[in-house]
């Protein structure tokens, strides 16, 4: 996923999100942020400067927020960690590190 082109997807509720590999604003003190689906143009920002496994985990975590907005942070974290661990074990590798 290149830094300049967002990944666009829709949730099951037809909310259109743009996911960008760009550091969230420092006020969030987070590696990723998912904006409220009720916003006009919700976005997800992921810090691309993390280690590969952490980028994977953060992407999964923030997409989970988009789909399961009302789920607790604990549940989203558990889900994200589980999926990321499974994909990492199966050999997921980031092949495009150009930004």
N, C-alpha and C. Protein backbone atom coordinates (compact mmCIF):
# COMPACT_ATOMS: atom_id res chain seq x y z
N UNK A 1 0.85 -1.17 0.00
CA UNK A 1 0.00 0.00 0.00
C UNK A 1 0.90 1.23 0.00
N UNK A 2 0.78 2.05 -1.01
CA UNK A 2 1.63 3.23 -1.10
C UNK A 2 1.08 4.37 -0.28
N UNK A 3 1.98 5.17 0.20
CA UNK A 3 1.63 6.31 1.05
C UNK A 3 0.69 7.29 0.35
N UNK A 4 0.87 7.52 -0.94
CA UNK A 4 0.12 8.57 -1.62
C UNK A 4 -1.29 8.16 -2.03
N UNK A 5 -1.58 6.89 -2.14
CA UNK A 5 -2.89 6.44 -2.60
C UNK A 5 -3.63 5.72 -1.47
N UNK A 6 -4.78 6.25 -1.06
CA UNK A 6 -5.51 5.60 0.04
C UNK A 6 -6.16 4.30 -0.40
N UNK A 7 -6.33 3.41 0.55
CA UNK A 7 -7.13 2.19 0.34
C UNK A 7 -8.55 2.56 0.75
N UNK A 8 -9.49 2.37 -0.16
CA UNK A 8 -10.88 2.75 0.09
C UNK A 8 -11.72 1.48 0.24
N UNK A 9 -12.57 1.48 1.27
CA UNK A 9 -13.46 0.33 1.48
C UNK A 9 -14.76 0.82 2.09
N UNK A 10 -15.76 -0.05 2.06
CA UNK A 10 -17.04 0.24 2.70
C UNK A 10 -17.31 -0.82 3.76
N UNK A 11 -17.87 -0.39 4.86
CA UNK A 11 -18.25 -1.32 5.91
C UNK A 11 -19.56 -2.01 5.53
N UNK A 12 -19.98 -2.93 6.36
CA UNK A 12 -21.26 -3.61 6.14
C UNK A 12 -22.44 -2.64 6.21
N UNK A 13 -22.22 -1.49 6.82
CA UNK A 13 -23.27 -0.46 6.91
C UNK A 13 -23.12 0.59 5.81
N UNK A 14 -22.29 0.28 4.83
CA UNK A 14 -22.07 1.12 3.64
C UNK A 14 -21.35 2.43 3.95
N UNK A 15 -20.64 2.49 5.06
CA UNK A 15 -19.84 3.67 5.38
C UNK A 15 -18.54 3.56 4.60
N UNK A 16 -18.23 4.60 3.84
CA UNK A 16 -17.02 4.62 3.01
C UNK A 16 -15.87 5.20 3.83
N UNK A 17 -14.80 4.42 3.92
CA UNK A 17 -13.59 4.84 4.63
C UNK A 17 -12.42 4.93 3.67
N UNK A 18 -11.52 5.83 3.96
CA UNK A 18 -10.22 5.88 3.30
C UNK A 18 -9.17 5.56 4.34
N UNK A 19 -8.30 4.60 4.04
CA UNK A 19 -7.20 4.24 4.92
C UNK A 19 -5.92 4.78 4.30
N UNK A 20 -5.20 5.58 5.07
CA UNK A 20 -3.97 6.19 4.59
C UNK A 20 -2.79 5.81 5.47
N UNK A 21 -1.68 5.50 4.85
CA UNK A 21 -0.44 5.26 5.60
C UNK A 21 0.20 6.62 5.85
N UNK A 22 -0.23 7.21 6.92
CA UNK A 22 0.22 8.54 7.32
C UNK A 22 0.08 8.62 8.84
N UNK A 23 1.08 9.18 9.48
CA UNK A 23 1.03 9.28 10.95
C UNK A 23 -0.20 10.05 11.40
N UNK A 24 -0.90 9.52 12.41
CA UNK A 24 -2.00 10.29 12.99
C UNK A 24 -1.44 11.55 13.66
N UNK A 25 -2.25 12.56 13.80
CA UNK A 25 -1.81 13.78 14.46
C UNK A 25 -1.28 13.43 15.85
N UNK A 26 -0.24 14.12 16.26
CA UNK A 26 0.43 13.81 17.54
C UNK A 26 -0.49 13.95 18.75
N UNK A 27 -1.57 14.70 18.62
CA UNK A 27 -2.48 14.86 19.76
C UNK A 27 -3.15 13.54 20.15
N UNK A 28 -3.20 12.58 19.22
CA UNK A 28 -3.83 11.29 19.53
C UNK A 28 -2.91 10.34 20.29
N UNK A 29 -1.61 10.57 20.22
CA UNK A 29 -0.65 9.70 20.90
C UNK A 29 -0.95 8.23 20.58
N UNK A 30 -1.12 7.95 19.27
CA UNK A 30 -1.48 6.61 18.80
C UNK A 30 -0.78 6.31 17.48
N UNK A 31 -0.60 5.03 17.22
CA UNK A 31 0.00 4.61 15.95
C UNK A 31 -1.04 4.52 14.83
N UNK A 32 -2.31 4.51 15.23
CA UNK A 32 -3.40 4.49 14.25
C UNK A 32 -4.63 5.13 14.85
N UNK A 33 -5.48 5.63 13.97
CA UNK A 33 -6.73 6.24 14.43
C UNK A 33 -7.81 5.97 13.39
N UNK A 34 -8.99 5.63 13.88
CA UNK A 34 -10.16 5.43 13.03
C UNK A 34 -11.19 6.49 13.42
N UNK A 35 -11.60 7.29 12.45
CA UNK A 35 -12.56 8.33 12.74
C UNK A 35 -13.97 7.77 12.80
N UNK A 36 -14.81 8.44 13.55
CA UNK A 36 -16.21 8.07 13.76
C UNK A 36 -16.92 7.90 12.41
N UNK A 37 -17.65 6.80 12.25
CA UNK A 37 -18.34 6.56 10.98
C UNK A 37 -19.44 7.58 10.68
N UNK A 38 -19.85 8.36 11.66
CA UNK A 38 -20.88 9.37 11.41
C UNK A 38 -20.32 10.64 10.78
N UNK A 39 -18.99 10.75 10.72
CA UNK A 39 -18.38 11.92 10.07
C UNK A 39 -18.65 11.88 8.57
N UNK A 40 -18.57 13.03 7.94
CA UNK A 40 -18.87 13.13 6.51
C UNK A 40 -17.93 12.28 5.66
N UNK A 41 -16.65 12.33 5.94
CA UNK A 41 -15.67 11.53 5.20
C UNK A 41 -14.71 10.86 6.18
N UNK A 42 -15.14 9.78 6.83
CA UNK A 42 -14.28 9.15 7.83
C UNK A 42 -13.02 8.56 7.22
N UNK A 43 -11.94 8.68 7.95
CA UNK A 43 -10.65 8.18 7.51
C UNK A 43 -9.99 7.36 8.60
N UNK A 44 -9.02 6.58 8.17
CA UNK A 44 -8.16 5.84 9.08
C UNK A 44 -6.73 6.25 8.74
N UNK A 45 -5.96 6.61 9.76
CA UNK A 45 -4.55 6.94 9.57
C UNK A 45 -3.72 5.90 10.30
N UNK A 46 -2.69 5.41 9.62
CA UNK A 46 -1.79 4.40 10.17
C UNK A 46 -0.36 4.94 10.06
N UNK A 47 0.39 4.88 11.15
CA UNK A 47 1.79 5.28 11.13
C UNK A 47 2.59 4.25 10.32
N UNK A 48 3.12 4.64 9.15
CA UNK A 48 3.86 3.69 8.33
C UNK A 48 5.28 3.42 8.81
N UNK A 49 5.74 4.16 9.82
CA UNK A 49 7.11 4.04 10.29
C UNK A 49 7.28 2.99 11.39
N UNK A 50 6.25 2.23 11.65
CA UNK A 50 6.33 1.16 12.64
C UNK A 50 6.99 -0.07 12.00
N UNK A 51 7.46 -1.00 12.81
CA UNK A 51 7.93 -2.28 12.25
C UNK A 51 6.77 -2.96 11.50
N UNK A 52 7.11 -3.79 10.52
CA UNK A 52 6.10 -4.42 9.66
C UNK A 52 4.98 -5.10 10.43
N UNK A 53 5.32 -5.88 11.45
CA UNK A 53 4.28 -6.58 12.21
C UNK A 53 3.35 -5.61 12.91
N UNK A 54 3.88 -4.49 13.35
CA UNK A 54 3.05 -3.48 14.02
C UNK A 54 2.16 -2.74 13.03
N UNK A 55 2.66 -2.48 11.82
CA UNK A 55 1.81 -1.87 10.79
C UNK A 55 0.63 -2.79 10.50
N UNK A 56 0.91 -4.08 10.33
CA UNK A 56 -0.14 -5.07 10.07
C UNK A 56 -1.16 -5.05 11.21
N UNK A 57 -0.68 -5.12 12.43
CA UNK A 57 -1.57 -5.14 13.59
C UNK A 57 -2.41 -3.87 13.65
N UNK A 58 -1.81 -2.73 13.40
CA UNK A 58 -2.53 -1.46 13.48
C UNK A 58 -3.58 -1.35 12.38
N UNK A 59 -3.25 -1.79 11.18
CA UNK A 59 -4.24 -1.78 10.09
C UNK A 59 -5.45 -2.63 10.47
N UNK A 60 -5.20 -3.84 10.93
CA UNK A 60 -6.30 -4.74 11.32
C UNK A 60 -7.12 -4.12 12.44
N UNK A 61 -6.43 -3.60 13.43
CA UNK A 61 -7.10 -2.99 14.59
C UNK A 61 -8.02 -1.85 14.16
N UNK A 62 -7.52 -0.96 13.33
CA UNK A 62 -8.32 0.22 12.95
C UNK A 62 -9.45 -0.15 12.00
N UNK A 63 -9.25 -1.11 11.11
CA UNK A 63 -10.35 -1.57 10.26
C UNK A 63 -11.42 -2.23 11.12
N UNK A 64 -11.00 -2.96 12.14
CA UNK A 64 -11.98 -3.57 13.05
C UNK A 64 -12.83 -2.48 13.72
N UNK A 65 -12.21 -1.36 14.11
CA UNK A 65 -12.99 -0.25 14.65
C UNK A 65 -14.02 0.24 13.64
N UNK A 66 -13.63 0.34 12.38
CA UNK A 66 -14.56 0.81 11.36
C UNK A 66 -15.78 -0.09 11.24
N UNK A 67 -15.55 -1.39 11.29
CA UNK A 67 -16.66 -2.35 11.15
C UNK A 67 -17.44 -2.55 12.44
N UNK A 68 -16.76 -2.46 13.57
CA UNK A 68 -17.37 -2.75 14.86
C UNK A 68 -17.22 -1.55 15.79
N UNK A 69 -17.74 -0.42 15.35
CA UNK A 69 -17.53 0.86 16.03
C UNK A 69 -17.88 0.82 17.51
N UNK A 70 -18.92 0.10 17.86
CA UNK A 70 -19.37 0.07 19.25
C UNK A 70 -18.67 -0.98 20.11
N UNK A 71 -17.78 -1.76 19.52
CA UNK A 71 -17.06 -2.78 20.29
C UNK A 71 -16.06 -2.10 21.22
N UNK A 72 -15.80 -2.73 22.33
CA UNK A 72 -14.84 -2.17 23.29
C UNK A 72 -13.42 -2.21 22.71
N UNK A 73 -12.59 -1.34 23.24
CA UNK A 73 -11.18 -1.32 22.83
C UNK A 73 -10.53 -2.66 23.14
N UNK A 74 -10.92 -3.27 24.24
CA UNK A 74 -10.38 -4.58 24.62
C UNK A 74 -10.71 -5.63 23.55
N UNK A 75 -11.95 -5.68 23.09
CA UNK A 75 -12.33 -6.66 22.07
C UNK A 75 -11.64 -6.41 20.74
N UNK A 76 -11.56 -5.14 20.34
CA UNK A 76 -10.89 -4.79 19.08
C UNK A 76 -9.41 -5.16 19.16
N UNK A 77 -8.78 -4.89 20.27
CA UNK A 77 -7.37 -5.23 20.46
C UNK A 77 -7.16 -6.73 20.40
N UNK A 78 -7.98 -7.49 21.07
CA UNK A 78 -7.88 -8.95 21.07
C UNK A 78 -8.04 -9.48 19.64
N UNK A 79 -9.04 -8.99 18.92
CA UNK A 79 -9.27 -9.40 17.54
C UNK A 79 -8.06 -9.05 16.67
N UNK A 80 -7.60 -7.80 16.74
CA UNK A 80 -6.47 -7.36 15.93
C UNK A 80 -5.21 -8.15 16.20
N UNK A 81 -4.91 -8.38 17.46
CA UNK A 81 -3.72 -9.14 17.82
C UNK A 81 -3.79 -10.57 17.30
N UNK A 82 -4.97 -11.18 17.38
CA UNK A 82 -5.14 -12.56 16.94
C UNK A 82 -4.96 -12.68 15.43
N UNK A 83 -5.62 -11.82 14.67
CA UNK A 83 -5.51 -11.88 13.20
C UNK A 83 -4.08 -11.56 12.76
N UNK A 84 -3.46 -10.54 13.34
CA UNK A 84 -2.09 -10.18 12.97
C UNK A 84 -1.12 -11.30 13.29
N UNK A 85 -1.28 -11.94 14.44
CA UNK A 85 -0.40 -13.06 14.82
C UNK A 85 -0.55 -14.21 13.83
N UNK A 86 -1.79 -14.51 13.43
CA UNK A 86 -2.04 -15.58 12.47
C UNK A 86 -1.39 -15.28 11.11
N UNK A 87 -1.60 -14.07 10.60
CA UNK A 87 -1.02 -13.70 9.31
C UNK A 87 0.50 -13.66 9.36
N UNK A 88 1.05 -13.17 10.44
CA UNK A 88 2.51 -13.15 10.59
C UNK A 88 3.08 -14.56 10.61
N UNK A 89 2.42 -15.43 11.32
CA UNK A 89 2.87 -16.82 11.39
C UNK A 89 2.83 -17.49 10.02
N UNK A 90 1.87 -17.08 9.20
CA UNK A 90 1.71 -17.65 7.87
C UNK A 90 2.61 -16.97 6.83
N UNK A 91 3.43 -16.03 7.29
CA UNK A 91 4.45 -15.45 6.41
C UNK A 91 4.11 -14.13 5.77
N UNK A 92 3.10 -13.42 6.29
CA UNK A 92 2.80 -12.11 5.71
C UNK A 92 4.03 -11.24 5.74
N UNK A 93 4.33 -10.62 4.62
CA UNK A 93 5.46 -9.69 4.54
C UNK A 93 5.00 -8.45 3.80
N UNK A 94 5.48 -7.32 4.23
CA UNK A 94 5.20 -6.05 3.56
C UNK A 94 6.16 -5.92 2.39
N UNK A 95 5.62 -5.88 1.17
CA UNK A 95 6.49 -5.87 -0.01
C UNK A 95 6.68 -4.50 -0.62
N UNK A 96 5.93 -3.51 -0.17
CA UNK A 96 6.07 -2.18 -0.73
C UNK A 96 6.31 -1.18 0.39
N UNK A 97 7.57 -0.85 0.60
CA UNK A 97 7.90 0.07 1.68
C UNK A 97 8.18 1.48 1.16
N UNK A 98 7.89 1.71 -0.12
CA UNK A 98 8.11 3.04 -0.70
C UNK A 98 7.03 3.98 -0.18
N UNK A 99 7.46 5.19 0.19
CA UNK A 99 6.50 6.18 0.66
C UNK A 99 6.70 7.44 -0.09
